Amino acid sequence: MSTLSTKNATVNQWLDEMKALVQPDHIVWIDGSEAQLDALRAEAVSTGEMTKLNEEKLPGCYLHRTLPNDVARVENRTFICSREEKDAGPTNNWMAPEKAYKMLYDIARGSYHGRTMYIIPFSMGPIGSPLAKIGIEVTDSIYVVLNMAIMTRVGAKVLEALGDSNDWVRGLHCKVDVNEENRYICQFPEDNTIISVNSAYGGNVLLGKKCFALRIASYQGRNEGWMAEHMLILGIENPQGEVKYIAAAFPSACGKTNLAMLIPPEHFKKQGYKVWCVGDDIAWMRKGPDGRLWAINPENGFFGVAPGTNEKSNPNALASTRKNTIFTNVALNNDDNTVWWEGLDKNPPENATDWKGNPWNGKTSDVKGAHPNSRFTAPAKNCPCISPEFESLNGVPISAIVFGGRRAKTAPLVYQSKDWTNGVFVGSIMASETTAAAAGAVGVVRRDPMAMLPFCGYHMGDYFKHWLDMGEELGDKAPKIFNVNWFRLDEEGHFIWPGFGDNLRVLLWILARCEGKADAVETPIGYVPHPADIDTTGLDLDPQVLASILEVDPEIWKKEADGIEEFYAKFGDRLPEALRGELDKLKASLAK
């Protein structure tokens, strides 16, 4: 099936160890050719692992179902296995590497009996980019192979780029018997190693995704002087044809994918504004030769949540799924062999199969057809607004970094940090309030610094320090840092700001600030716009209402400062003094 091999001694030694451990019946190198991938798709259909969808309506698309016990990332089973427990920090689960290796190898031993070992050489980022990194994932799942072929660059060219280097990440995935009691996703940052056992769900087994691109890469970035961040990257092109780039971090359920693929309101479209998506989830950023911060999206596809994606909420994301896409845990429409999920449209199929494989009538059933965390894995090049710079080896220069969260009353629509150090403070206190959709009480504040809480591969106090160090390194060429909050509520609990495409109005003020073309009002937390400086043409929003969502209430922020104090206490003496200083300054400013 493939004649691929490598002379890289470190790769071959590790593969020999893995073969001896898992004992496969067959070994297949993934060369990245369409012929090989087609043969694997056909094999997956023949075994029932995947279902081929309607070739006319969804060309090259497939449906896959995972076991009901295996439908999401498992944070309580995810470990950072650093040699010292203190280096994992208070926000990660830790296990000693010797203990973890022994436990994982005991689980994995012989688990490929009767199975094929697929060896996937993959590049995070365009092959040959100075910002890219390489990994090898070993898996016993065709589903993983086909997803990795969408989400990363795979095959022979990756091995050529690697040469005889030892700078690559080792990834072992074993489905075993998908037993949740023995499910573990372990990262060994000091060894460039990831081991995932007893899962077959994408977030736990596509090891290039959060495991490598954030947990391992954040550790690599700190050691090597760059940043791996849970951020979208978008470009905004003005009517003169100039494009400026923004990187932005949001916790889940804050409209990150919608922002990454934003469609400008009609008023701006007519003027010639365009928005380009470079990435929807992860940004790797480093100082370029010109001293600015440059970013790539290390991924090659979108692993998006299906429910709620529709023609209105995110037409570009929906368009991305119309060909060569793998759908996971959505409903199958038996009448025309297409897929459906909650929120796709108001016309659920009556003759369907739900995500568990049971007969399902969407008109009468009170169970969901698609799992709430059902997914699509779509090639980024399918996206109608994919950036012309998507494959650029050098990436794109970042003008602004934006943090955001879901706050009913606290944060204004937008504010700019006072400087880089203050911006790191703003990122470190990022939070969202729980909604009815989340388990537990409504309105509870959950801190998620830089949206990295589940993904930082080392002590978060050291992570904040790395951010501060990057600011010193970049000096006056550092991007400006902002915070946005699309989710202010009125007294009846309705969103005040329209959101979606109208968020461009806020991004344009942000870019104007970066270029020194817009004024602002100083508040205790940072700089907010004059209401008149946000272009509301074509928007039915009373100027006084806009002014109200730009207000900073000192009493609410005094309570917020107490919450920050409590959160910071977690990090003990690993919290940088500079951030403690920022909190003290905030309190002093609020007391005036």
Protein backbone atom coordinates (compact mmCIF):
# COMPACT_ATOMS: atom_id res chain seq x y z
CA MET A 1 0.00 0.00 0.00
CA SER A 2 2.92 2.33 0.69
CA THR A 3 6.66 2.04 0.19
CA LEU A 4 7.44 4.98 2.48
CA SER A 5 10.30 4.70 4.96
CA THR A 6 12.86 6.95 6.62
CA LYS A 7 16.54 6.83 7.44
CA ASN A 8 15.99 9.02 10.52
CA ALA A 9 17.57 6.94 13.31
CA THR A 10 15.51 8.50 16.12
CA VAL A 11 12.24 7.84 14.24
CA ASN A 12 13.19 4.24 13.42
CA GLN A 13 14.31 3.47 16.96
CA TRP A 14 11.06 4.79 18.44
CA LEU A 15 8.96 2.93 15.85
CA ASP A 16 10.78 -0.32 16.63
CA GLU A 17 9.95 0.17 20.32
CA MET A 18 6.29 0.89 19.52
CA LYS A 19 6.00 -2.15 17.21
CA ALA A 20 7.45 -4.40 19.91
CA LEU A 21 5.01 -2.91 22.43
CA VAL A 22 1.70 -3.00 20.53
CA GLN A 23 2.49 -5.98 18.21
CA PRO A 24 0.50 -5.14 15.08
CA ASP A 25 -0.41 -7.70 12.41
CA HIS A 26 0.32 -5.18 9.64
CA ILE A 27 2.21 -1.89 9.29
CA VAL A 28 1.22 0.87 6.86
CA TRP A 29 3.09 4.16 6.37
CA ILE A 30 0.80 7.03 5.41
CA ASP A 31 2.36 8.65 2.33
CA GLY A 32 -0.35 11.30 1.87
CA SER A 33 -1.32 10.14 -1.64
CA GLU A 34 -4.96 10.39 -2.65
CA ALA A 35 -4.85 6.79 -3.91
CA GLN A 36 -3.84 5.50 -0.48
CA LEU A 37 -6.41 7.65 1.35
CA ASP A 38 -9.14 6.49 -1.07
CA ALA A 39 -8.28 2.85 -0.38
CA LEU A 40 -8.49 3.54 3.38
CA ARG A 41 -11.87 5.26 2.97
CA ALA A 42 -13.18 2.26 1.05
CA GLU A 43 -11.88 -0.09 3.74
CA ALA A 44 -13.53 1.97 6.51
CA VAL A 45 -16.86 1.85 4.63
CA SER A 46 -16.57 -1.91 4.09
CA THR A 47 -16.09 -2.54 7.83
CA GLY A 48 -18.88 -0.11 8.83
CA GLU A 49 -16.45 2.26 10.54
CA MET A 50 -17.63 5.03 8.23
CA THR A 51 -20.68 5.63 6.03
CA LYS A 52 -20.29 7.16 2.58
CA LEU A 53 -22.69 10.06 2.14
CA ASN A 54 -24.60 11.32 -0.91
CA GLU A 55 -21.92 11.89 -3.55
CA GLU A 56 -23.99 14.49 -5.41
CA LYS A 57 -24.99 16.58 -2.40
CA LEU A 58 -21.92 15.97 -0.20
CA PRO A 59 -19.09 14.81 -2.49
CA GLY A 60 -16.24 13.02 -0.70
CA CYS A 61 -18.06 13.20 2.67
CA TYR A 62 -18.41 10.48 5.31
CA LEU A 63 -20.21 9.89 8.61
CA HIS A 64 -18.61 8.24 11.65
CA ARG A 65 -20.07 7.36 15.05
CA THR A 66 -18.07 7.01 18.24
CA LEU A 67 -19.18 4.94 21.22
CA PRO A 68 -21.59 6.78 23.56
CA ASN A 69 -18.92 6.63 26.31
CA ASP A 70 -16.43 8.45 24.08
CA VAL A 71 -17.83 11.72 22.76
CA ALA A 72 -15.64 14.55 24.09
CA ARG A 73 -12.28 15.55 25.52
CA VAL A 74 -11.78 14.12 29.02
CA GLU A 75 -10.02 16.74 31.12
CA ASN A 76 -10.08 14.58 34.27
CA ARG A 77 -8.17 11.89 32.32
CA THR A 78 -5.67 14.28 30.75
CA PHE A 79 -2.27 14.51 32.42
CA ILE A 80 0.90 16.56 32.16
CA CYS A 81 3.72 14.16 33.00
CA SER A 82 6.58 16.52 33.84
CA ARG A 83 9.44 15.16 35.95
CA GLU A 84 8.58 17.57 38.81
CA GLU A 85 4.97 17.90 39.95
CA LYS A 86 5.45 21.61 40.61
CA ASP A 87 6.22 22.19 36.92
CA ALA A 88 2.74 20.98 35.88
CA GLY A 89 1.22 23.63 38.13
CA PRO A 90 -2.08 23.83 40.00
CA THR A 91 -4.31 23.90 36.91
CA ASN A 92 -3.14 20.57 35.40
CA ASN A 93 -3.48 16.96 36.45
CA TRP A 94 0.01 15.52 37.03
CA MET A 95 1.47 12.04 36.97
CA ALA A 96 5.13 11.07 37.41
CA PRO A 97 6.56 10.06 34.00
CA GLU A 98 7.90 6.64 35.16
CA LYS A 99 4.52 5.75 36.65
CA ALA A 100 2.65 7.04 33.58
CA TYR A 101 4.84 5.20 31.05
CA LYS A 102 4.49 1.93 32.96
CA MET A 103 0.71 2.28 33.28
CA LEU A 104 0.22 3.31 29.65
CA TYR A 105 2.55 0.65 28.25
CA ASP A 106 0.76 -2.01 30.30
CA ILE A 107 -2.56 -0.87 28.79
CA ALA A 108 -1.14 -0.62 25.25
CA ARG A 109 0.86 -3.87 25.28
CA GLY A 110 -0.31 -6.22 22.53
CA SER A 111 -3.35 -4.04 21.80
CA TYR A 112 -2.69 -4.04 18.02
CA HIS A 113 -3.09 -7.85 17.78
CA GLY A 114 -5.26 -8.44 14.72
CA ARG A 115 -4.94 -4.76 13.80
CA THR A 116 -2.91 -2.55 11.50
CA MET A 117 -0.38 0.01 12.73
CA TYR A 118 -0.69 3.21 10.70
CA ILE A 119 2.35 5.49 10.85
CA ILE A 120 1.43 9.11 10.11
CA PRO A 121 4.26 11.63 9.54
CA PHE A 122 2.59 15.06 9.90
CA SER A 123 3.55 18.71 9.85
CA MET A 124 1.89 21.31 12.06
CA GLY A 125 2.03 24.35 9.81
CA PRO A 126 2.99 24.56 6.13
CA ILE A 127 5.77 22.07 5.38
CA GLY A 128 9.12 23.85 5.48
CA SER A 129 7.86 26.91 7.37
CA PRO A 130 10.30 28.18 10.01
CA LEU A 131 7.30 28.25 12.36
CA ALA A 132 6.22 24.64 11.63
CA LYS A 133 6.89 21.51 13.72
CA ILE A 134 6.76 17.83 12.83
CA GLY A 135 5.20 14.83 14.55
CA ILE A 136 4.78 11.10 13.96
CA GLU A 137 1.53 9.56 15.14
CA VAL A 138 1.11 5.80 15.39
CA THR A 139 -2.55 4.69 15.47
CA ASP A 140 -4.75 1.64 14.96
CA SER A 141 -7.65 3.75 13.64
CA ILE A 142 -8.41 4.53 9.99
CA TYR A 143 -10.70 7.29 11.30
CA VAL A 144 -7.67 8.94 12.91
CA VAL A 145 -5.63 8.61 9.70
CA LEU A 146 -8.35 10.22 7.58
CA ASN A 147 -8.94 13.05 10.08
CA MET A 148 -5.21 13.75 10.42
CA ALA A 149 -5.02 13.92 6.61
CA ILE A 150 -7.54 16.78 6.78
CA MET A 151 -6.30 18.51 9.94
CA THR A 152 -2.53 18.41 9.18
CA ARG A 153 -0.14 18.06 6.26
CA VAL A 154 0.79 14.37 6.06
CA GLY A 155 3.07 12.09 4.10
CA ALA A 156 6.41 11.75 2.35
CA LYS A 157 7.22 15.48 2.14
CA VAL A 158 7.04 15.70 5.93
CA LEU A 159 9.77 13.08 6.31
CA GLU A 160 11.89 14.93 3.75
CA ALA A 161 11.51 18.15 5.75
CA LEU A 162 12.41 16.34 8.99
CA GLY A 163 15.59 14.79 7.58
CA ASP A 164 17.70 13.30 10.36
CA SER A 165 16.56 15.80 13.04
CA ASN A 166 15.40 14.67 16.47
CA ASP A 167 13.07 17.70 16.76
CA TRP A 168 9.78 15.84 16.33
CA VAL A 169 6.89 14.85 18.59
CA ARG A 170 6.15 11.19 19.27
CA GLY A 171 2.47 10.29 19.37
CA LEU A 172 1.11 6.85 20.26
CA HIS A 173 -2.61 6.21 20.01
CA CYS A 174 -4.19 2.86 20.94
CA LYS A 175 -7.95 2.37 20.78
CA VAL A 176 -7.54 -0.78 22.94
CA ASP A 177 -11.21 -1.52 23.77
CA VAL A 178 -12.36 2.11 24.29
CA ASN A 179 -12.85 1.47 27.99
CA GLU A 180 -13.48 4.74 29.84
CA GLU A 181 -12.07 3.33 33.10
CA ASN A 182 -8.66 2.98 31.44
CA ARG A 183 -8.82 6.09 29.23
CA TYR A 184 -5.80 8.38 29.51
CA ILE A 185 -4.42 11.24 27.44
CA CYS A 186 -0.90 11.94 28.67
CA GLN A 187 1.57 14.59 27.56
CA PHE A 188 5.28 14.29 28.40
CA PRO A 189 6.54 17.80 27.61
CA GLU A 190 10.19 17.09 28.43
CA ASP A 191 10.16 14.04 26.12
CA ASN A 192 8.17 15.51 23.19
CA THR A 193 5.78 12.59 23.66
CA ILE A 194 2.00 12.08 23.71
CA ILE A 195 0.24 8.82 24.55
CA SER A 196 -3.54 8.35 24.21
CA VAL A 197 -5.24 5.07 25.13
CA ASN A 198 -8.83 3.79 25.18
CA SER A 199 -10.41 6.62 23.18
CA ALA A 200 -11.43 6.96 19.55
CA TYR A 201 -12.93 10.49 19.79
CA GLY A 202 -11.15 13.17 17.73
CA GLY A 203 -10.18 15.58 20.51
CA ASN A 204 -8.40 12.78 22.38
CA VAL A 205 -6.83 10.95 19.43
CA LEU A 206 -5.96 13.48 16.72
CA LEU A 207 -2.71 14.08 18.54
CA GLY A 208 -1.73 17.07 16.39
CA LYS A 209 -4.71 19.00 17.79
CA LYS A 210 -4.76 20.22 21.41
CA CYS A 211 -2.21 17.62 22.63
CA PHE A 212 0.63 18.75 20.35
CA ALA A 213 -0.45 22.16 19.03
CA LEU A 214 -1.10 23.54 22.52
CA ARG A 215 0.07 21.35 25.43
CA ILE A 216 3.41 20.25 23.97
CA ALA A 217 3.92 23.32 21.78
CA SER A 218 3.28 25.78 24.64
CA TYR A 219 6.18 24.12 26.50
CA GLN A 220 8.36 24.13 23.37
CA GLY A 221 7.46 27.77 22.76
CA ARG A 222 8.54 28.83 26.22
CA ASN A 223 11.88 27.04 25.84
CA GLU A 224 12.47 28.29 22.29
CA GLY A 225 11.12 31.84 22.61
CA TRP A 226 7.79 31.64 20.74
CA MET A 227 4.10 31.26 21.62
CA ALA A 228 1.54 28.50 21.05
CA GLU A 229 -1.88 29.99 21.71
CA HIS A 230 -5.53 28.96 21.64
CA MET A 231 -6.35 31.76 19.19
CA LEU A 232 -8.09 32.38 15.91
CA ILE A 233 -6.27 34.50 13.31
CA LEU A 234 -8.20 36.78 10.96
CA GLY A 235 -7.26 39.40 8.41
CA ILE A 236 -9.30 42.54 7.79
CA GLU A 237 -8.87 44.07 4.34
CA ASN A 238 -9.84 47.73 4.01
CA PRO A 239 -11.22 49.33 0.82
CA GLN A 240 -7.65 50.34 -0.15
CA GLY A 241 -6.63 46.67 -0.20
CA GLU A 242 -4.46 46.78 2.96
CA VAL A 243 -4.82 43.77 5.27
CA LYS A 244 -4.19 43.87 9.03
CA TYR A 245 -4.24 40.76 11.18
CA ILE A 246 -5.74 40.07 14.60
CA ALA A 247 -5.24 37.05 16.88
CA ALA A 248 -8.02 36.42 19.39
CA ALA A 249 -8.63 34.05 22.30
CA PHE A 250 -12.07 33.09 23.63
CA PRO A 251 -13.28 30.34 25.96
CA SER A 252 -15.83 27.94 24.43
CA ALA A 253 -19.35 29.21 23.63
CA CYS A 254 -18.10 32.73 22.92
CA GLY A 255 -18.42 32.78 19.13
CA LYS A 256 -14.79 32.10 18.25
CA THR A 257 -15.45 30.25 14.98
CA ASN A 258 -18.07 32.82 13.95
CA LEU A 259 -15.53 35.62 14.47
CA ALA A 260 -12.80 33.73 12.57
CA MET A 261 -15.11 33.51 9.53
CA LEU A 262 -16.91 36.82 10.00
CA ILE A 263 -19.02 38.22 7.16
CA PRO A 264 -18.99 42.05 7.06
CA PRO A 265 -22.32 43.90 7.41
CA GLU A 266 -23.73 45.18 4.10
CA HIS A 267 -22.61 48.79 4.74
CA PHE A 268 -18.97 47.67 5.04
CA LYS A 269 -19.18 45.11 2.24
CA LYS A 270 -20.30 47.83 -0.15
CA GLN A 271 -17.33 49.96 0.84
CA GLY A 272 -14.99 47.08 -0.03
CA TYR A 273 -14.13 45.61 3.38
CA LYS A 274 -13.27 41.90 3.40
CA VAL A 275 -12.46 39.49 6.21
CA TRP A 276 -10.02 36.61 5.71
CA CYS A 277 -9.77 33.52 7.92
CA VAL A 278 -6.21 32.36 8.59
CA GLY A 279 -7.21 30.05 11.46
CA ASP A 280 -10.19 29.28 13.70
CA ASP A 281 -8.53 27.72 16.75
CA ILE A 282 -4.75 27.79 17.18
CA ALA A 283 -1.99 30.32 16.51
CA TRP A 284 1.76 29.78 16.70
CA MET A 285 3.52 33.13 16.92
CA ARG A 286 7.12 34.23 16.95
CA LYS A 287 9.18 37.36 16.46
CA GLY A 288 9.97 37.85 12.79
CA PRO A 289 13.09 39.33 11.18
CA ASP A 290 11.35 42.75 11.17
CA GLY A 291 10.82 42.60 14.96
CA ARG A 292 7.04 42.17 14.73
CA LEU A 293 5.05 39.17 15.97
CA TRP A 294 4.24 36.77 13.10
CA ALA A 295 1.68 33.96 13.28
CA ILE A 296 0.75 30.77 11.47
CA ASN A 297 -2.23 28.49 11.91
CA PRO A 298 -0.51 25.13 12.53
CA GLU A 299 -3.60 23.26 11.37
CA ASN A 300 -4.81 22.44 7.87
CA GLY A 301 -8.51 21.99 8.62
CA PHE A 302 -11.38 22.82 10.93
CA PHE A 303 -12.55 20.46 13.69
CA GLY A 304 -15.77 22.31 14.38
CA VAL A 305 -18.82 21.76 16.56
CA ALA A 306 -21.75 20.95 14.26
CA PRO A 307 -24.86 21.86 16.35
CA GLY A 308 -25.78 25.50 15.89
CA THR A 309 -23.76 25.83 12.66
CA ASN A 310 -26.16 27.04 9.99
CA GLU A 311 -26.65 29.39 7.05
CA LYS A 312 -27.34 32.31 9.40
CA SER A 313 -24.88 31.74 12.28
CA ASN A 314 -21.85 30.81 10.15
CA PRO A 315 -22.39 30.38 6.40
CA ASN A 316 -18.63 30.12 5.76
CA ALA A 317 -18.22 27.23 8.22
CA LEU A 318 -21.23 25.49 6.71
CA ALA A 319 -19.83 25.96 3.19
CA SER A 320 -16.53 24.42 4.38
CA THR A 321 -18.37 21.15 5.16
CA ARG A 322 -19.93 20.63 1.73
CA LYS A 323 -17.17 18.39 0.35
CA ASN A 324 -14.37 16.06 1.55
CA THR A 325 -15.58 16.36 5.15
CA ILE A 326 -15.90 13.77 7.92
CA PHE A 327 -18.95 14.20 10.16
CA THR A 328 -18.86 12.62 13.63
CA ASN A 329 -21.92 11.82 15.79
CA VAL A 330 -24.50 13.73 13.73
CA ALA A 331 -27.84 12.38 12.50
CA LEU A 332 -28.13 10.59 9.15
CA ASN A 333 -31.06 11.47 6.90
CA ASN A 334 -31.99 8.08 5.42
CA ASP A 335 -34.10 9.58 2.61
CA ASP A 336 -31.22 11.24 0.80
CA ASN A 337 -28.15 9.96 2.68
CA THR A 338 -27.14 13.40 3.99
CA VAL A 339 -26.51 14.64 7.54
CA TRP A 340 -28.50 16.80 9.97
CA TRP A 341 -27.91 18.33 13.39
CA GLU A 342 -29.80 20.53 15.82
CA GLY A 343 -29.71 24.14 14.65
CA LEU A 344 -28.91 23.29 11.00
CA ASP A 345 -32.42 24.23 9.90
CA LYS A 346 -36.01 24.03 11.15
CA ASN A 347 -36.77 20.93 9.12
CA PRO A 348 -35.43 17.84 10.92
CA PRO A 349 -35.70 14.59 8.92
CA GLU A 350 -38.45 12.14 9.89
CA ASN A 351 -36.77 9.03 8.49
CA ALA A 352 -33.34 9.24 10.08
CA THR A 353 -30.75 7.51 12.22
CA ASP A 354 -29.53 9.32 15.33
CA TRP A 355 -25.90 9.63 16.41
CA LYS A 356 -26.14 6.40 18.40
CA GLY A 357 -27.33 4.47 15.35
CA ASN A 358 -30.99 4.23 16.41
CA PRO A 359 -34.02 4.98 14.17
CA TRP A 360 -34.98 8.62 14.72
CA ASN A 361 -37.88 10.87 13.74
CA GLY A 362 -36.81 14.48 14.17
CA LYS A 363 -40.39 15.72 14.10
CA THR A 364 -41.62 13.63 17.04
CA SER A 365 -38.59 12.50 19.04
CA ASP A 366 -37.63 14.20 22.28
CA VAL A 367 -34.00 12.95 22.04
CA LYS A 368 -31.40 14.81 20.04
CA GLY A 369 -30.45 13.51 16.60
CA ALA A 370 -26.85 14.76 16.89
CA HIS A 371 -24.68 14.71 20.00
CA PRO A 372 -24.24 18.28 21.41
CA ASN A 373 -20.46 17.90 20.80
CA SER A 374 -20.84 16.33 17.35
CA ARG A 375 -18.19 17.49 14.89
CA PHE A 376 -17.18 18.17 11.32
CA THR A 377 -13.60 17.79 10.12
CA ALA A 378 -13.34 19.98 7.03
CA PRO A 379 -10.37 21.08 4.89
CA ALA A 380 -9.56 24.75 5.53
CA LYS A 381 -9.20 25.35 1.80
CA ASN A 382 -12.97 24.71 1.47
CA CYS A 383 -13.70 27.90 3.40
CA PRO A 384 -14.94 30.69 1.07
CA CYS A 385 -13.01 33.31 3.10
CA ILE A 386 -9.78 31.36 3.63
CA SER A 387 -6.87 33.81 3.58
CA PRO A 388 -4.58 34.00 0.53
CA GLU A 389 -1.79 33.86 3.16
CA PHE A 390 -3.01 30.54 4.61
CA GLU A 391 -0.09 28.59 3.11
CA SER A 392 2.47 31.36 3.65
CA LEU A 393 5.68 29.93 5.14
CA ASN A 394 6.33 33.14 7.08
CA GLY A 395 2.79 33.55 8.41
CA VAL A 396 1.14 36.93 8.94
CA PRO A 397 2.10 39.93 11.13
CA ILE A 398 -0.20 40.46 14.12
CA SER A 399 -1.35 44.04 14.86
CA ALA A 400 -3.67 43.29 17.78
CA ILE A 401 -4.30 40.52 20.30
CA VAL A 402 -7.89 40.29 21.52
CA PHE A 403 -9.17 38.47 24.60
CA GLY A 404 -12.84 37.89 25.29
CA GLY A 405 -15.35 36.25 27.56
CA ARG A 406 -19.05 36.05 28.29
CA ARG A 407 -19.92 38.63 30.99
CA ALA A 408 -23.45 39.92 31.62
CA LYS A 409 -22.48 43.20 33.34
CA THR A 410 -18.75 43.37 34.11
CA ALA A 411 -16.63 43.96 31.01
CA PRO A 412 -17.50 46.70 28.53
CA LEU A 413 -18.02 45.93 24.83
CA VAL A 414 -14.34 46.64 24.22
CA TYR A 415 -11.37 48.10 26.05
CA GLN A 416 -7.68 48.45 25.32
CA SER A 417 -5.02 47.54 27.85
CA LYS A 418 -2.70 50.31 29.04
CA ASP A 419 0.45 48.54 27.82
CA TRP A 420 1.74 45.00 27.20
CA THR A 421 2.15 44.10 30.90
CA ASN A 422 -1.35 45.35 31.61
CA GLY A 423 -2.50 43.36 28.55
CA VAL A 424 -1.03 40.16 30.01
CA PHE A 425 -2.98 40.97 33.19
CA VAL A 426 -6.15 41.38 31.09
CA GLY A 427 -5.53 37.98 29.45
CA SER A 428 -4.72 36.31 32.75
CA ILE A 429 -8.07 37.34 34.32
CA MET A 430 -10.21 36.26 31.34
CA ALA A 431 -13.47 34.74 32.48
CA SER A 432 -16.91 33.66 31.37
CA GLU A 433 -20.12 33.29 33.33
CA THR A 434 -21.86 29.95 33.10
CA THR A 435 -25.04 29.91 31.04
CA ALA A 436 -28.04 27.62 31.32
CA ALA A 437 -26.38 25.40 28.72
CA ALA A 438 -23.42 24.66 31.00
CA ALA A 439 -23.76 22.19 33.85
CA GLY A 440 -24.28 23.69 37.28
CA ALA A 441 -25.37 27.12 38.46
CA VAL A 442 -25.97 30.04 36.11
CA GLY A 443 -23.76 33.14 36.39
CA VAL A 444 -20.79 31.46 38.08
CA VAL A 445 -17.52 33.09 37.00
CA ARG A 446 -15.07 30.65 35.46
CA ARG A 447 -11.56 31.96 34.95
CA ASP A 448 -9.82 30.76 31.80
CA PRO A 449 -6.58 32.73 31.30
CA MET A 450 -5.91 33.34 27.60
CA ALA A 451 -8.47 30.50 27.01
CA MET A 452 -5.53 28.18 27.82
CA LEU A 453 -6.59 26.70 31.16
CA PRO A 454 -7.07 23.12 29.85
CA PHE A 455 -4.26 23.39 27.31
CA CYS A 456 -1.17 24.90 28.94
CA GLY A 457 1.53 22.21 29.09
CA TYR A 458 3.32 23.62 32.14
CA HIS A 459 2.81 25.83 35.21
CA MET A 460 0.47 28.68 34.35
CA GLY A 461 2.43 31.14 36.51
CA ASP A 462 5.46 30.43 34.30
CA TYR A 463 3.22 30.79 31.25
CA PHE A 464 2.28 34.32 32.36
CA LYS A 465 5.99 35.05 32.85
CA HIS A 466 6.67 33.86 29.29
CA TRP A 467 4.05 36.30 28.01
CA LEU A 468 5.74 39.13 29.93
CA ASP A 469 9.14 38.08 28.50
CA MET A 470 7.74 38.08 24.95
CA GLY A 471 6.57 41.66 25.48
CA GLU A 472 10.08 42.71 26.48
CA GLU A 473 11.48 40.90 23.46
CA LEU A 474 9.06 42.63 21.06
CA GLY A 475 9.37 46.07 22.67
CA ASP A 476 7.49 48.83 20.87
CA LYS A 477 6.66 46.46 17.98
CA ALA A 478 4.47 44.30 20.23
CA PRO A 479 0.81 44.04 19.19
CA LYS A 480 -1.66 46.12 21.18
CA ILE A 481 -3.85 44.05 23.54
CA PHE A 482 -7.64 44.41 23.86
CA ASN A 483 -10.59 42.75 25.58
CA VAL A 484 -14.06 42.36 24.06
CA ASN A 485 -17.39 41.26 25.50
CA TRP A 486 -20.18 40.68 22.98
CA PHE A 487 -22.45 39.38 25.74
CA ARG A 488 -23.66 42.32 27.87
CA LEU A 489 -27.28 41.73 28.91
CA ASP A 490 -30.12 44.15 29.52
CA GLU A 491 -32.46 43.93 32.53
CA GLU A 492 -34.64 41.36 30.72
CA GLY A 493 -31.64 39.14 30.04
CA HIS A 494 -31.37 39.91 26.31
CA PHE A 495 -28.08 40.54 24.52
CA ILE A 496 -27.63 44.26 23.88
CA TRP A 497 -24.94 44.07 21.18
CA PRO A 498 -26.07 42.29 17.96
CA GLY A 499 -22.80 40.32 17.58
CA PHE A 500 -21.93 38.13 14.56
CA GLY A 501 -20.93 40.27 11.53
CA ASP A 502 -21.47 43.48 13.48
CA ASN A 503 -18.44 42.62 15.60
CA LEU A 504 -16.43 43.99 12.66
CA ARG A 505 -17.41 47.48 13.88
CA VAL A 506 -15.48 46.86 17.11
CA LEU A 507 -12.51 45.28 15.30
CA LEU A 508 -12.23 48.38 13.10
CA TRP A 509 -11.95 50.59 16.21
CA ILE A 510 -9.29 48.19 17.52
CA LEU A 511 -7.26 48.51 14.30
CA ALA A 512 -7.74 52.29 14.30
CA ARG A 513 -6.24 52.34 17.82
CA CYS A 514 -3.30 50.24 16.63
CA GLU A 515 -2.66 52.82 13.91
CA GLY A 516 -3.11 55.82 16.22
CA LYS A 517 -6.20 56.94 14.29
CA ALA A 518 -8.84 56.76 17.05
CA ASP A 519 -9.24 58.42 20.40
CA ALA A 520 -10.29 56.73 23.65
CA VAL A 521 -11.41 57.44 27.20
CA GLU A 522 -9.20 56.28 30.05
CA THR A 523 -10.98 54.21 32.74
CA PRO A 524 -9.63 52.27 35.75
CA ILE A 525 -9.40 49.10 33.60
CA GLY A 526 -8.06 50.56 30.32
CA TYR A 527 -9.13 52.64 27.34
CA VAL A 528 -12.70 52.48 26.00
CA PRO A 529 -13.99 54.07 22.78
CA HIS A 530 -16.03 57.21 22.53
CA PRO A 531 -19.42 55.87 21.37
CA ALA A 532 -19.20 58.07 18.27
CA ASP A 533 -15.97 56.29 17.24
CA ILE A 534 -17.77 52.98 16.66
CA ASP A 535 -19.34 53.08 13.21
CA THR A 536 -23.01 52.13 13.74
CA THR A 537 -24.20 52.95 10.20
CA GLY A 538 -27.08 50.65 9.32
CA LEU A 539 -27.38 49.43 12.90
CA ASP A 540 -30.53 50.03 14.92
CA LEU A 541 -28.76 50.81 18.19
CA ASP A 542 -29.58 53.85 20.30
CA PRO A 543 -26.39 55.89 21.00
CA GLN A 544 -27.24 55.89 24.71
CA VAL A 545 -27.54 52.10 24.70
CA LEU A 546 -24.12 51.85 23.02
CA ALA A 547 -22.73 54.22 25.65
CA SER A 548 -24.18 51.99 28.38
CA ILE A 549 -22.28 48.90 27.19
CA LEU A 550 -19.05 50.90 27.11
CA GLU A 551 -19.43 51.89 30.76
CA VAL A 552 -17.11 50.57 33.47
CA ASP A 553 -18.87 50.26 36.84
CA PRO A 554 -16.29 50.65 39.67
CA GLU A 555 -18.47 48.78 42.19
CA ILE A 556 -18.77 45.70 39.94
CA TRP A 557 -15.01 45.85 39.27
CA LYS A 558 -14.21 46.01 43.00
CA LYS A 559 -15.94 42.63 43.35
CA GLU A 560 -14.11 41.43 40.23
CA ALA A 561 -10.78 42.43 41.82
CA ASP A 562 -11.61 40.23 44.83
CA GLY A 563 -12.27 37.32 42.46
CA ILE A 564 -8.95 37.93 40.70
CA GLU A 565 -7.14 37.99 44.06
CA GLU A 566 -8.66 34.62 44.92
CA PHE A 567 -7.74 33.15 41.52
CA TYR A 568 -4.17 34.47 41.66
CA ALA A 569 -3.68 32.82 45.08
CA LYS A 570 -3.61 29.46 43.26
CA PHE A 571 -0.27 30.26 41.68
CA GLY A 572 1.59 31.12 44.87
CA ASP A 573 5.11 32.44 44.36
CA ARG A 574 5.10 31.37 40.69
CA LEU A 575 2.74 34.29 39.90
CA PRO A 576 4.90 37.05 38.35
CA GLU A 577 5.24 40.10 40.61
CA ALA A 578 4.31 42.30 37.64
CA LEU A 579 0.80 40.80 37.56
CA ARG A 580 0.34 41.22 41.30
CA GLY A 581 1.41 44.83 40.72
CA GLU A 582 -1.26 45.23 38.00
CA LEU A 583 -3.93 43.99 40.39
CA ASP A 584 -2.75 46.45 43.06
CA LYS A 585 -2.89 49.29 40.50
CA LEU A 586 -6.42 48.28 39.48
CA LYS A 587 -7.58 48.31 43.11
CA ALA A 588 -5.96 51.70 43.75
CA SER A 589 -7.55 53.12 40.62
CA LEU A 590 -11.01 51.82 41.62
CA ALA A 591 -10.68 53.26 45.11
CA LYS A 592 -10.30 56.82 43.81
